[in-house]
PDB file of N, CA and C in Angstrom:
ATOM      1  N   MET A   1       2.767  -5.594  -6.970  1.00  0.00           N
ATOM      2  CA  MET A   1       1.777  -6.648  -6.884  1.00  0.00           C
ATOM      3  C   MET A   1       1.558  -7.033  -5.425  1.00  0.00           C
ATOM      4  N   ILE A   2       0.313  -7.312  -5.090  1.00  0.00           N
ATOM      5  CA  ILE A   2      -0.050  -7.790  -3.753  1.00  0.00           C
ATOM      6  C   ILE A   2      -0.823  -9.092  -3.911  1.00  0.00           C
ATOM      7  N   ARG A   3      -0.389 -10.115  -3.191  1.00  0.00           N
ATOM      8  CA  ARG A   3      -1.154 -11.366  -3.117  1.00  0.00           C
ATOM      9  C   ARG A   3      -1.873 -11.358  -1.778  1.00  0.00           C
ATOM     10  N   HIS A   4      -3.186 -11.422  -1.843  1.00  0.00           N
ATOM     11  CA  HIS A   4      -4.025 -11.464  -0.646  1.00  0.00           C
ATOM     12  C   HIS A   4      -4.539 -12.886  -0.500  1.00  0.00           C
ATOM     13  N   ALA A   5      -4.383 -13.454   0.671  1.00  0.00           N
ATOM     14  CA  ALA A   5      -4.864 -14.807   0.918  1.00  0.00           C
ATOM     15  C   ALA A   5      -5.467 -14.887   2.309  1.00  0.00           C
ATOM     16  N   ALA A   6      -6.453 -15.753   2.437  1.00  0.00           N
ATOM     17  CA  ALA A   6      -7.023 -16.069   3.740  1.00  0.00           C
ATOM     18  C   ALA A   6      -7.153 -17.580   3.812  1.00  0.00           C
ATOM     19  N   ILE A   7      -6.639 -18.143   4.877  1.00  0.00           N
ATOM     20  CA  ILE A   7      -6.724 -19.565   5.132  1.00  0.00           C
ATOM     21  C   ILE A   7      -7.770 -19.679   6.229  1.00  0.00           C
ATOM     22  N   PHE A   8      -8.771 -20.551   6.045  1.00  0.00           N
ATOM     23  CA  PHE A   8      -9.894 -20.490   6.974  1.00  0.00           C
ATOM     24  C   PHE A   8     -10.557 -21.833   7.215  1.00  0.00           C
ATOM     25  N   GLN A   9     -11.366 -21.841   8.268  1.00  0.00           N
ATOM     26  CA  GLN A   9     -12.168 -22.989   8.675  1.00  0.00           C
ATOM     27  C   GLN A   9     -13.599 -22.489   8.847  1.00  0.00           C
ATOM     28  N   LEU A  10     -14.538 -23.211   8.280  1.00  0.00           N
ATOM     29  CA  LEU A  10     -15.945 -22.836   8.391  1.00  0.00           C
ATOM     30  C   LEU A  10     -16.615 -23.501   9.593  1.00  0.00           C
ATOM     31  N   ILE A  11     -17.763 -22.961   9.971  1.00  0.00           N
ATOM     32  CA  ILE A  11     -18.549 -23.569  11.045  1.00  0.00           C
ATOM     33  C   ILE A  11     -19.384 -24.736  10.514  1.00  0.00           C
ATOM     34  N   HIS A  12     -19.467 -24.886   9.199  1.00  0.00           N
ATOM     35  CA  HIS A  12     -20.321 -25.892   8.568  1.00  0.00           C
ATOM     36  C   HIS A  12     -19.638 -27.252   8.484  1.00  0.00           C
ATOM     37  N   LYS A  13     -20.455 -28.295   8.424  1.00  0.00           N
ATOM     38  CA  LYS A  13     -19.931 -29.647   8.244  1.00  0.00           C
ATOM     39  C   LYS A  13     -19.317 -29.788   6.857  1.00  0.00           C
ATOM     40  N   ALA A  14     -18.248 -30.537   6.788  1.00  0.00           N
ATOM     41  CA  ALA A  14     -17.598 -30.808   5.501  1.00  0.00           C
ATOM     42  C   ALA A  14     -18.582 -31.498   4.566  1.00  0.00           C
ATOM     43  N   GLY A  15     -18.657 -30.994   3.340  1.00  0.00           N
ATOM     44  CA  GLY A  15     -19.537 -31.576   2.344  1.00  0.00           C
ATOM     45  C   GLY A  15     -20.989 -31.140   2.431  1.00  0.00           C
ATOM     46  N   SER A  16     -21.296 -30.248   3.365  1.00  0.00           N
ATOM     47  CA  SER A  16     -22.684 -29.815   3.542  1.00  0.00           C
ATOM     48  C   SER A  16     -23.101 -28.805   2.481  1.00  0.00           C
ATOM     49  N   THR A  17     -24.403 -28.648   2.340  1.00  0.00           N
ATOM     50  CA  THR A  17     -24.951 -27.651   1.432  1.00  0.00           C
ATOM     51  C   THR A  17     -24.523 -26.255   1.869  1.00  0.00           C
ATOM     52  N   GLN A  18     -24.481 -26.013   3.170  1.00  0.00           N
ATOM     53  CA  GLN A  18     -24.061 -24.706   3.688  1.00  0.00           C
ATOM     54  C   GLN A  18     -22.628 -24.396   3.294  1.00  0.00           C
ATOM     55  N   GLU A  19     -21.747 -25.391   3.369  1.00  0.00           N
ATOM     56  CA  GLU A  19     -20.361 -25.209   2.956  1.00  0.00           C
ATOM     57  C   GLU A  19     -20.300 -24.867   1.468  1.00  0.00           C
ATOM     58  N   ALA A  20     -21.007 -25.625   0.655  1.00  0.00           N
ATOM     59  CA  ALA A  20     -21.010 -25.397  -0.797  1.00  0.00           C
ATOM     60  C   ALA A  20     -21.556 -24.013  -1.133  1.00  0.00           C
ATOM     61  N   ASN A  21     -22.610 -23.593  -0.461  1.00  0.00           N
ATOM     62  CA  ASN A  21     -23.186 -22.270  -0.710  1.00  0.00           C
ATOM     63  C   ASN A  21     -22.215 -21.156  -0.329  1.00  0.00           C
ATOM     64  N   PHE A  22     -21.530 -21.319   0.790  1.00  0.00           N
ATOM     65  CA  PHE A  22     -20.551 -20.323   1.202  1.00  0.00           C
ATOM     66  C   PHE A  22     -19.446 -20.195   0.159  1.00  0.00           C
ATOM     67  N   LEU A  23     -18.909 -21.317  -0.283  1.00  0.00           N
ATOM     68  CA  LEU A  23     -17.818 -21.295  -1.258  1.00  0.00           C
ATOM     69  C   LEU A  23     -18.275 -20.709  -2.593  1.00  0.00           C
ATOM     70  N   ALA A  24     -19.511 -20.991  -2.983  1.00  0.00           N
ATOM     71  CA  ALA A  24     -20.043 -20.417  -4.221  1.00  0.00           C
ATOM     72  C   ALA A  24     -20.167 -18.903  -4.105  1.00  0.00           C
ATOM     73  N   ASP A  25     -20.625 -18.421  -2.964  1.00  0.00           N
ATOM     74  CA  ASP A  25     -20.736 -16.974  -2.773  1.00  0.00           C
ATOM     75  C   ASP A  25     -19.356 -16.324  -2.666  1.00  0.00           C
ATOM     76  N   LEU A  26     -18.418 -17.014  -2.042  1.00  0.00           N
ATOM     77  CA  LEU A  26     -17.046 -16.513  -1.975  1.00  0.00           C
ATOM     78  C   LEU A  26     -16.476 -16.342  -3.380  1.00  0.00           C
ATOM     79  N   ALA A  27     -16.749 -17.286  -4.259  1.00  0.00           N
ATOM     80  CA  ALA A  27     -16.229 -17.237  -5.629  1.00  0.00           C
ATOM     81  C   ALA A  27     -16.728 -16.010  -6.386  1.00  0.00           C
ATOM     82  N   LYS A  28     -17.875 -15.483  -6.012  1.00  0.00           N
ATOM     83  CA  LYS A  28     -18.424 -14.300  -6.678  1.00  0.00           C
ATOM     84  C   LYS A  28     -17.552 -13.065  -6.473  1.00  0.00           C
ATOM     85  N   LEU A  29     -16.699 -13.081  -5.443  1.00  0.00           N
ATOM     86  CA  LEU A  29     -15.798 -11.940  -5.214  1.00  0.00           C
ATOM     87  C   LEU A  29     -14.787 -11.790  -6.350  1.00  0.00           C
ATOM     88  N   SER A  30     -14.594 -12.825  -7.131  1.00  0.00           N
ATOM     89  CA  SER A  30     -13.654 -12.755  -8.250  1.00  0.00           C
ATOM     90  C   SER A  30     -14.097 -11.740  -9.305  1.00  0.00           C
ATOM     91  N   ALA A  31     -15.374 -11.360  -9.294  1.00  0.00           N
ATOM     92  CA  ALA A  31     -15.897 -10.408 -10.278  1.00  0.00           C
ATOM     93  C   ALA A  31     -15.623  -8.951  -9.908  1.00  0.00           C
ATOM     94  N   ILE A  32     -15.105  -8.713  -8.711  1.00  0.00           N
ATOM     95  CA  ILE A  32     -14.816  -7.341  -8.296  1.00  0.00           C
ATOM     96  C   ILE A  32     -13.652  -6.812  -9.129  1.00  0.00           C
ATOM     97  N   PRO A  33     -13.793  -5.611  -9.676  1.00  0.00           N
ATOM     98  CA  PRO A  33     -12.712  -5.038 -10.490  1.00  0.00           C
ATOM     99  C   PRO A  33     -11.372  -5.017  -9.740  1.00  0.00           C
ATOM    100  N   GLY A  34     -10.316  -5.386 -10.447  1.00  0.00           N
ATOM    101  CA  GLY A  34      -8.980  -5.384  -9.871  1.00  0.00           C
ATOM    102  C   GLY A  34      -8.526  -6.723  -9.326  1.00  0.00           C
ATOM    103  N   VAL A  35      -9.470  -7.655  -9.138  1.00  0.00           N
ATOM    104  CA  VAL A  35      -9.124  -8.983  -8.623  1.00  0.00           C
ATOM    105  C   VAL A  35      -8.562  -9.823  -9.763  1.00  0.00           C
ATOM    106  N   GLY A  36      -7.397 -10.400  -9.538  1.00  0.00           N
ATOM    107  CA  GLY A  36      -6.781 -11.275 -10.524  1.00  0.00           C
ATOM    108  C   GLY A  36      -6.364 -12.591  -9.894  1.00  0.00           C
ATOM    109  N   ALA A  37      -6.200 -13.602 -10.703  1.00  0.00           N
ATOM    110  CA  ALA A  37      -5.723 -14.927 -10.269  1.00  0.00           C
ATOM    111  C   ALA A  37      -6.463 -15.423  -9.032  1.00  0.00           C
ATOM    112  N   PHE A  38      -7.774 -15.287  -9.039  1.00  0.00           N
ATOM    113  CA  PHE A  38      -8.610 -15.697  -7.909  1.00  0.00           C
ATOM    114  C   PHE A  38      -8.657 -17.213  -7.832  1.00  0.00           C
ATOM    115  N   GLU A  39      -8.491 -17.743  -6.625  1.00  0.00           N
ATOM    116  CA  GLU A  39      -8.504 -19.196  -6.465  1.00  0.00           C
ATOM    117  C   GLU A  39      -8.997 -19.575  -5.072  1.00  0.00           C
ATOM    118  N   ILE A  40      -9.856 -20.573  -5.030  1.00  0.00           N
ATOM    119  CA  ILE A  40     -10.276 -21.192  -3.763  1.00  0.00           C
ATOM    120  C   ILE A  40      -9.696 -22.593  -3.765  1.00  0.00           C
ATOM    121  N   SER A  41      -9.046 -22.955  -2.660  1.00  0.00           N
ATOM    122  CA  SER A  41      -8.378 -24.254  -2.563  1.00  0.00           C
ATOM    123  C   SER A  41      -8.793 -24.972  -1.294  1.00  0.00           C
ATOM    124  N   ARG A  42      -8.729 -26.301  -1.360  1.00  0.00           N
ATOM    125  CA  ARG A  42      -8.975 -27.122  -0.173  1.00  0.00           C
ATOM    126  C   ARG A  42      -7.627 -27.515   0.422  1.00  0.00           C
ATOM    127  N   GLU A  43      -7.485 -27.344   1.711  1.00  0.00           N
ATOM    128  CA  GLU A  43      -6.254 -27.706   2.428  1.00  0.00           C
ATOM    129  C   GLU A  43      -6.102 -29.225   2.440  1.00  0.00           C
ATOM    130  N   ILE A  44      -4.899 -29.694   2.171  1.00  0.00           N
ATOM    131  CA  ILE A  44      -4.641 -31.140   2.216  1.00  0.00           C
ATOM    132  C   ILE A  44      -3.602 -31.519   3.267  1.00  0.00           C
ATOM    133  N   SER A  45      -2.974 -30.528   3.863  1.00  0.00           N
ATOM    134  CA  SER A  45      -1.942 -30.817   4.856  1.00  0.00           C
ATOM    135  C   SER A  45      -2.564 -31.083   6.232  1.00  0.00           C
ATOM    136  N   PRO A  46      -2.099 -32.109   6.914  1.00  0.00           N
ATOM    137  CA  PRO A  46      -2.575 -32.353   8.279  1.00  0.00           C
ATOM    138  C   PRO A  46      -1.860 -31.479   9.316  1.00  0.00           C
ATOM    139  N   LYS A  47      -0.997 -30.584   8.844  1.00  0.00           N
ATOM    140  CA  LYS A  47      -0.179 -29.780   9.754  1.00  0.00           C
ATOM    141  C   LYS A  47      -0.889 -28.558  10.321  1.00  0.00           C
ATOM    142  N   ASN A  48      -2.112 -28.266   9.829  1.00  0.00           N
ATOM    143  CA  ASN A  48      -2.857 -27.149  10.402  1.00  0.00           C
ATOM    144  C   ASN A  48      -4.334 -27.485  10.436  1.00  0.00           C
ATOM    145  N   ALA A  49      -5.097 -26.678  11.150  1.00  0.00           N
ATOM    146  CA  ALA A  49      -6.518 -26.952  11.363  1.00  0.00           C
ATOM    147  C   ALA A  49      -7.422 -26.285  10.335  1.00  0.00           C
ATOM    148  N   PHE A  50      -6.859 -25.570   9.387  1.00  0.00           N
ATOM    149  CA  PHE A  50      -7.684 -24.878   8.404  1.00  0.00           C
ATOM    150  C   PHE A  50      -8.112 -25.830   7.284  1.00  0.00           C
ATOM    151  N   ASP A  51      -9.269 -25.541   6.691  1.00  0.00           N
ATOM    152  CA  ASP A  51      -9.818 -26.410   5.651  1.00  0.00           C
ATOM    153  C   ASP A  51      -9.697 -25.841   4.244  1.00  0.00           C
ATOM    154  N   PHE A  52      -9.682 -24.509   4.120  1.00  0.00           N
ATOM    155  CA  PHE A  52      -9.704 -23.859   2.813  1.00  0.00           C
ATOM    156  C   PHE A  52      -8.741 -22.689   2.768  1.00  0.00           C
ATOM    157  N   ALA A  53      -8.436 -22.288   1.540  1.00  0.00           N
ATOM    158  CA  ALA A  53      -7.687 -21.052   1.308  1.00  0.00           C
ATOM    159  C   ALA A  53      -8.337 -20.338   0.138  1.00  0.00           C
ATOM    160  N   VAL A  54      -8.363 -19.025   0.211  1.00  0.00           N
ATOM    161  CA  VAL A  54      -8.770 -18.207  -0.921  1.00  0.00           C
ATOM    162  C   VAL A  54      -7.623 -17.247  -1.179  1.00  0.00           C
ATOM    163  N   SER A  55      -7.257 -17.080  -2.443  1.00  0.00           N
ATOM    164  CA  SER A  55      -6.170 -16.160  -2.760  1.00  0.00           C
ATOM    165  C   SER A  55      -6.501 -15.395  -4.027  1.00  0.00           C
ATOM    166  N   MET A  56      -5.899 -14.225  -4.131  1.00  0.00           N
ATOM    167  CA  MET A  56      -6.089 -13.370  -5.301  1.00  0.00           C
ATOM    168  C   MET A  56      -4.914 -12.427  -5.400  1.00  0.00           C
ATOM    169  N   ILE A  57      -4.729 -11.858  -6.574  1.00  0.00           N
ATOM    170  CA  ILE A  57      -3.629 -10.933  -6.806  1.00  0.00           C
ATOM    171  C   ILE A  57      -4.194  -9.586  -7.229  1.00  0.00           C
ATOM    172  N   PHE A  58      -3.568  -8.530  -6.721  1.00  0.00           N
ATOM    173  CA  PHE A  58      -3.898  -7.159  -7.097  1.00  0.00           C
ATOM    174  C   PHE A  58      -2.660  -6.513  -7.696  1.00  0.00           C
ATOM    175  N   ALA A  59      -2.864  -5.674  -8.686  1.00  0.00           N
ATOM    176  CA  ALA A  59      -1.747  -5.027  -9.372  1.00  0.00           C
ATOM    177  C   ALA A  59      -0.956  -4.120  -8.447  1.00  0.00           C
ATOM    178  N   ASP A  60      -1.664  -3.472  -7.518  1.00  0.00           N
ATOM    179  CA  ASP A  60      -0.994  -2.519  -6.632  1.00  0.00           C
ATOM    180  C   ASP A  60      -1.851  -2.253  -5.396  1.00  0.00           C
ATOM    181  N   ALA A  61      -1.328  -1.416  -4.511  1.00  0.00           N
ATOM    182  CA  ALA A  61      -2.024  -1.112  -3.254  1.00  0.00           C
ATOM    183  C   ALA A  61      -3.363  -0.429  -3.498  1.00  0.00           C
ATOM    184  N   ALA A  62      -3.462   0.379  -4.541  1.00  0.00           N
ATOM    185  CA  ALA A  62      -4.724   1.066  -4.841  1.00  0.00           C
ATOM    186  C   ALA A  62      -5.808   0.059  -5.220  1.00  0.00           C
ATOM    187  N   ALA A  63      -5.465  -0.932  -6.011  1.00  0.00           N
ATOM    188  CA  ALA A  63      -6.437  -1.959  -6.403  1.00  0.00           C
ATOM    189  C   ALA A  63      -6.879  -2.774  -5.190  1.00  0.00           C
ATOM    190  N   TYR A  64      -5.945  -3.078  -4.301  1.00  0.00           N
ATOM    191  CA  TYR A  64      -6.276  -3.831  -3.090  1.00  0.00           C
ATOM    192  C   TYR A  64      -7.171  -2.995  -2.180  1.00  0.00           C
ATOM    193  N   ALA A  65      -6.865  -1.727  -2.032  1.00  0.00           N
ATOM    194  CA  ALA A  65      -7.687  -0.843  -1.201  1.00  0.00           C
ATOM    195  C   ALA A  65      -9.101  -0.726  -1.773  1.00  0.00           C
ATOM    196  N   ALA A  66      -9.209  -0.617  -3.092  1.00  0.00           N
ATOM    197  CA  ALA A  66     -10.530  -0.527  -3.730  1.00  0.00           C
ATOM    198  C   ALA A  66     -11.337  -1.798  -3.491  1.00  0.00           C
ATOM    199  N   TYR A  67     -10.691  -2.942  -3.530  1.00  0.00           N
ATOM    200  CA  TYR A  67     -11.359  -4.217  -3.247  1.00  0.00           C
ATOM    201  C   TYR A  67     -11.894  -4.234  -1.821  1.00  0.00           C
ATOM    202  N   ASN A  68     -11.077  -3.795  -0.888  1.00  0.00           N
ATOM    203  CA  ASN A  68     -11.474  -3.836   0.521  1.00  0.00           C
ATOM    204  C   ASN A  68     -12.707  -3.005   0.825  1.00  0.00           C
ATOM    205  N   ILE A  69     -12.931  -1.939   0.077  1.00  0.00           N
ATOM    206  CA  ILE A  69     -14.109  -1.096   0.333  1.00  0.00           C
ATOM    207  C   ILE A  69     -15.224  -1.313  -0.688  1.00  0.00           C
ATOM    208  N   HIS A  70     -15.020  -2.227  -1.628  1.00  0.00           N
ATOM    209  CA  HIS A  70     -16.051  -2.491  -2.622  1.00  0.00           C
ATOM    210  C   HIS A  70     -17.313  -3.021  -1.912  1.00  0.00           C
ATOM    211  N   PRO A  71     -18.501  -2.533  -2.286  1.00  0.00           N
ATOM    212  CA  PRO A  71     -19.734  -2.950  -1.606  1.00  0.00           C
ATOM    213  C   PRO A  71     -19.961  -4.464  -1.585  1.00  0.00           C
ATOM    214  N   ALA A  72     -19.597  -5.175  -2.649  1.00  0.00           N
ATOM    215  CA  ALA A  72     -19.786  -6.626  -2.668  1.00  0.00           C
ATOM    216  C   ALA A  72     -18.883  -7.311  -1.646  1.00  0.00           C
ATOM    217  N   HIS A  73     -17.654  -6.830  -1.493  1.00  0.00           N
ATOM    218  CA  HIS A  73     -16.738  -7.402  -0.508  1.00  0.00           C
ATOM    219  C   HIS A  73     -17.212  -7.093   0.910  1.00  0.00           C
ATOM    220  N   VAL A  74     -17.568  -5.842   1.146  1.00  0.00           N
ATOM    221  CA  VAL A  74     -18.041  -5.431   2.481  1.00  0.00           C
ATOM    222  C   VAL A  74     -19.274  -6.244   2.874  1.00  0.00           C
ATOM    223  N   ALA A  75     -20.222  -6.404   1.953  1.00  0.00           N
ATOM    224  CA  ALA A  75     -21.440  -7.165   2.243  1.00  0.00           C
ATOM    225  C   ALA A  75     -21.118  -8.630   2.524  1.00  0.00           C
ATOM    226  N   PHE A  76     -20.216  -9.226   1.741  1.00  0.00           N
ATOM    227  CA  PHE A  76     -19.850 -10.619   1.966  1.00  0.00           C
ATOM    228  C   PHE A  76     -19.227 -10.799   3.347  1.00  0.00           C
ATOM    229  N   VAL A  77     -18.330  -9.910   3.705  1.00  0.00           N
ATOM    230  CA  VAL A  77     -17.682 -10.018   5.019  1.00  0.00           C
ATOM    231  C   VAL A  77     -18.720  -9.936   6.135  1.00  0.00           C
ATOM    232  N   GLN A  78     -19.641  -8.988   6.027  1.00  0.00           N
ATOM    233  CA  GLN A  78     -20.631  -8.790   7.086  1.00  0.00           C
ATOM    234  C   GLN A  78     -21.669  -9.906   7.156  1.00  0.00           C
ATOM    235  N   THR A  79     -22.143 -10.368   6.004  1.00  0.00           N
ATOM    236  CA  THR A  79     -23.259 -11.314   6.013  1.00  0.00           C
ATOM    237  C   THR A  79     -22.849 -12.774   5.933  1.00  0.00           C
ATOM    238  N   ARG A  80     -21.649 -13.066   5.458  1.00  0.00           N
ATOM    239  CA  ARG A  80     -21.233 -14.454   5.308  1.00  0.00           C
ATOM    240  C   ARG A  80     -19.970 -14.771   6.103  1.00  0.00           C
ATOM    241  N   TRP A  81     -18.893 -13.976   5.888  1.00  0.00           N
ATOM    242  CA  TRP A  81     -17.602 -14.305   6.505  1.00  0.00           C
ATOM    243  C   TRP A  81     -17.684 -14.279   8.030  1.00  0.00           C
ATOM    244  N   ILE A  82     -18.117 -13.173   8.586  1.00  0.00           N
ATOM    245  CA  ILE A  82     -18.129 -13.045  10.054  1.00  0.00           C
ATOM    246  C   ILE A  82     -18.989 -14.129  10.713  1.00  0.00           C
ATOM    247  N   PRO A  83     -20.219 -14.377  10.238  1.00  0.00           N
ATOM    248  CA  PRO A  83     -21.019 -15.393  10.925  1.00  0.00           C
ATOM    249  C   PRO A  83     -20.654 -16.846  10.608  1.00  0.00           C
ATOM    250  N   GLU A  84     -19.934 -17.111   9.500  1.00  0.00           N
ATOM    251  CA  GLU A  84     -19.741 -18.500   9.081  1.00  0.00           C
ATOM    252  C   GLU A  84     -18.304 -19.011   9.132  1.00  0.00           C
ATOM    253  N   VAL A  85     -17.351 -18.130   9.358  1.00  0.00           N
ATOM    254  CA  VAL A  85     -15.951 -18.554   9.440  1.00  0.00           C
ATOM    255  C   VAL A  85     -15.574 -18.719  10.914  1.00  0.00           C
ATOM    256  N   ALA A  86     -15.171 -19.934  11.262  1.00  0.00           N
ATOM    257  CA  ALA A  86     -14.823 -20.238  12.653  1.00  0.00           C
ATOM    258  C   ALA A  86     -13.482 -19.631  13.037  1.00  0.00           C
ATOM    259  N   SER A  87     -12.518 -19.702  12.132  1.00  0.00           N
ATOM    260  CA  SER A  87     -11.198 -19.120  12.379  1.00  0.00           C
ATOM    261  C   SER A  87     -10.503 -18.924  11.040  1.00  0.00           C
ATOM    262  N   PHE A  88      -9.550 -17.978  11.032  1.00  0.00           N
ATOM    263  CA  PHE A  88      -8.832 -17.719   9.786  1.00  0.00           C
ATOM    264  C   PHE A  88      -7.504 -17.044  10.068  1.00  0.00           C
ATOM    265  N   LEU A  89      -6.673 -17.073   9.055  1.00  0.00           N
ATOM    266  CA  LEU A  89      -5.395 -16.390   9.042  1.00  0.00           C
ATOM    267  C   LEU A  89      -5.326 -15.633   7.745  1.00  0.00           C
ATOM    268  N   GLU A  90      -5.119 -14.331   7.826  1.00  0.00           N
ATOM    269  CA  GLU A  90      -4.976 -13.525   6.619  1.00  0.00           C
ATOM    270  C   GLU A  90      -3.486 -13.378   6.315  1.00  0.00           C
ATOM    271  N   HIS A  91      -3.160 -13.441   5.028  1.00  0.00           N
ATOM    272  CA  HIS A  91      -1.768 -13.426   4.611  1.00  0.00           C
ATOM    273  C   HIS A  91      -1.648 -12.534   3.384  1.00  0.00           C
ATOM    274  N   ASP A  92      -1.064 -11.354   3.532  1.00  0.00           N
ATOM    275  CA  ASP A  92      -0.910 -10.416   2.436  1.00  0.00           C
ATOM    276  C   ASP A  92       0.591 -10.231   2.176  1.00  0.00           C
ATOM    277  N   THR A  93       0.999 -10.473   0.937  1.00  0.00           N
ATOM    278  CA  THR A  93       2.427 -10.461   0.618  1.00  0.00           C
ATOM    279  C   THR A  93       2.709  -9.718  -0.676  1.00  0.00           C
ATOM    280  N   THR A  94       3.951  -9.275  -0.798  1.00  0.00           N
ATOM    281  CA  THR A  94       4.461  -8.733  -2.048  1.00  0.00           C
ATOM    282  C   THR A  94       5.742  -9.499  -2.377  1.00  0.00           C
ATOM    283  N   PRO A  95       6.031  -9.676  -3.659  1.00  0.00           N
ATOM    284  CA  PRO A  95       7.241 -10.410  -4.033  1.00  0.00           C
ATOM    285  C   PRO A  95       8.500  -9.652  -3.645  1.00  0.00           C
ATOM    286  N   LEU A  96       9.540 -10.388  -3.350  1.00  0.00           N
ATOM    287  CA  LEU A  96      10.842  -9.783  -3.035  1.00  0.00           C
ATOM    288  C   LEU A  96      11.608  -9.501  -4.311  1.00  0.00           C
TER     289      LEU A  96
END
């Protein structure tokens, strides 16, 4: 199992229509085959500068690799993530 997560900050104002639209489009990635336990969360800790987290689980490395090259994921990264995410931290883990 692989848990893929990204903790991120958007360029948009909190509560804006642009923020809501980005998060709605991000949620559409949950429909990509192999994606499980998809979740978008709002950061509540004052200990970091990030505002959101997105996480998902893949059964194995093959499922994660297929997600990374899926046309919907590639298009989202190019048209939404790169221009609208101010900063992020990617976190990919497997259970011990």
